[in-house]
Amino acid sequence: MGKITLTEEPLERSAPVYEHLQPIVDALTRSGNKLACRDRWGSSKEGFVCYLQQPIDFTLVRAMFSLPESIVLSEQRDLIACSKTWATIYGSIAPRGEW
């Protein structure tokens, strides 16, 4: 089975700016990671964020997805960020409840 190719930003204008990163969140939660907040996405002063309780499985992400240059993987900071939409997935975050 081939890799899933992600776009640099959402395909539809009316879609949330983080929509193109949602397949990564889905794959990580299916593999056992858990959301640190009740809702998948929330907003911060930096942009839209998704917090995961466990570290991001970068090996899984690289194996499953073909990523554009605008989606940056940072194992050192345990995050996946889009430089075009400012949406970020963070790993290793303690449970936080609601947004």
Protein backbone atom coordinates (compact mmCIF):
# COMPACT_ATOMS: atom_id res chain seq x y z
CA MET A 1 0.00 0.00 0.00
CA GLY A 2 1.33 3.47 -0.94
CA LYS A 3 1.78 6.50 1.20
CA ILE A 4 -0.99 9.03 1.70
CA THR A 5 -0.01 12.33 0.08
CA LEU A 6 -0.91 15.36 2.16
CA THR A 7 -1.47 18.82 0.74
CA GLU A 8 0.12 22.06 1.90
CA GLU A 9 -3.19 23.43 3.11
CA PRO A 10 -6.88 22.46 3.18
CA LEU A 11 -8.37 21.59 -0.19
CA GLU A 12 -11.53 23.66 0.34
CA ARG A 13 -11.58 27.30 1.40
CA SER A 14 -14.38 26.66 3.88
CA ALA A 15 -12.45 23.85 5.62
CA PRO A 16 -10.62 24.48 8.89
CA VAL A 17 -6.96 25.44 8.37
CA TYR A 18 -5.84 22.25 10.15
CA GLU A 19 -7.89 19.87 7.97
CA HIS A 20 -4.89 18.68 5.95
CA LEU A 21 -3.15 17.55 9.18
CA GLN A 22 -6.16 15.61 10.47
CA PRO A 23 -5.12 12.33 8.75
CA ILE A 24 -1.91 12.39 10.82
CA VAL A 25 -3.87 12.87 14.06
CA ASP A 26 -6.22 10.05 13.03
CA ALA A 27 -3.31 7.69 12.33
CA LEU A 28 -1.59 8.51 15.62
CA THR A 29 -4.74 8.02 17.70
CA ARG A 30 -5.56 4.77 15.87
CA SER A 31 -2.08 3.53 16.79
CA GLY A 32 -2.71 4.19 20.48
CA ASN A 33 -1.86 7.82 21.17
CA LYS A 34 -4.53 9.76 23.05
CA LEU A 35 -5.77 13.32 22.82
CA ALA A 36 -4.69 15.53 25.71
CA CYS A 37 -7.85 17.66 25.36
CA ARG A 38 -11.45 16.66 24.86
CA ASP A 39 -11.55 18.33 21.43
CA ARG A 40 -9.04 17.39 18.77
CA TRP A 41 -8.18 20.96 17.81
CA GLY A 42 -8.16 24.22 19.69
CA SER A 43 -6.62 27.61 19.18
CA SER A 44 -3.73 29.36 20.84
CA LYS A 45 -1.96 32.63 20.15
CA GLU A 46 0.29 30.71 17.72
CA GLY A 47 -2.58 29.19 15.71
CA PHE A 48 -4.58 25.96 15.78
CA VAL A 49 -3.15 23.16 17.91
CA CYS A 50 -3.78 19.50 18.62
CA TYR A 51 -2.26 18.09 21.80
CA LEU A 52 -1.45 14.37 22.14
CA GLN A 53 -0.57 12.69 25.44
CA GLN A 54 2.19 10.39 24.18
CA PRO A 55 5.21 11.23 22.03
CA ILE A 56 4.55 11.43 18.30
CA ASP A 57 5.47 8.26 16.43
CA PHE A 58 7.57 9.87 13.69
CA THR A 59 8.43 6.48 12.18
CA LEU A 60 4.72 5.85 11.64
CA VAL A 61 4.16 9.31 10.17
CA ARG A 62 7.07 8.93 7.73
CA ALA A 63 5.92 5.44 6.73
CA MET A 64 2.28 6.44 6.12
CA PHE A 65 2.50 9.92 4.65
CA SER A 66 4.18 11.81 1.86
CA LEU A 67 4.51 15.35 3.20
CA PRO A 68 4.99 18.65 1.38
CA GLU A 69 7.89 20.88 2.43
CA SER A 70 5.51 23.12 4.37
CA ILE A 71 4.80 20.35 6.91
CA VAL A 72 7.76 20.13 9.26
CA LEU A 73 8.54 17.18 11.53
CA SER A 74 10.53 18.08 14.65
CA GLU A 75 11.45 15.03 16.71
CA GLN A 76 13.53 17.23 19.02
CA ARG A 77 10.49 19.38 19.90
CA ASP A 78 7.98 16.48 19.52
CA LEU A 79 5.77 18.36 17.07
CA ILE A 80 4.47 18.45 13.52
CA ALA A 81 3.83 21.95 12.17
CA CYS A 82 2.52 23.49 8.98
CA SER A 83 4.38 26.64 8.02
CA LYS A 84 1.55 27.78 5.72
CA THR A 85 -1.41 27.49 8.10
CA TRP A 86 0.34 27.65 11.51
CA ALA A 87 -1.49 24.48 12.61
CA THR A 88 0.61 22.29 14.93
CA ILE A 89 0.37 18.81 16.44
CA TYR A 90 2.21 18.49 19.78
CA GLY A 91 3.18 15.22 21.48
CA SER A 92 3.96 14.47 25.14
CA ILE A 93 1.33 16.83 26.60
CA ALA A 94 -0.33 16.10 29.94
CA PRO A 95 -4.14 15.77 29.81
CA ARG A 96 -5.75 19.21 29.87
CA GLY A 97 -9.53 18.65 29.78
CA GLU A 98 -11.46 21.21 27.77
CA TRP A 99 -10.20 24.07 25.63
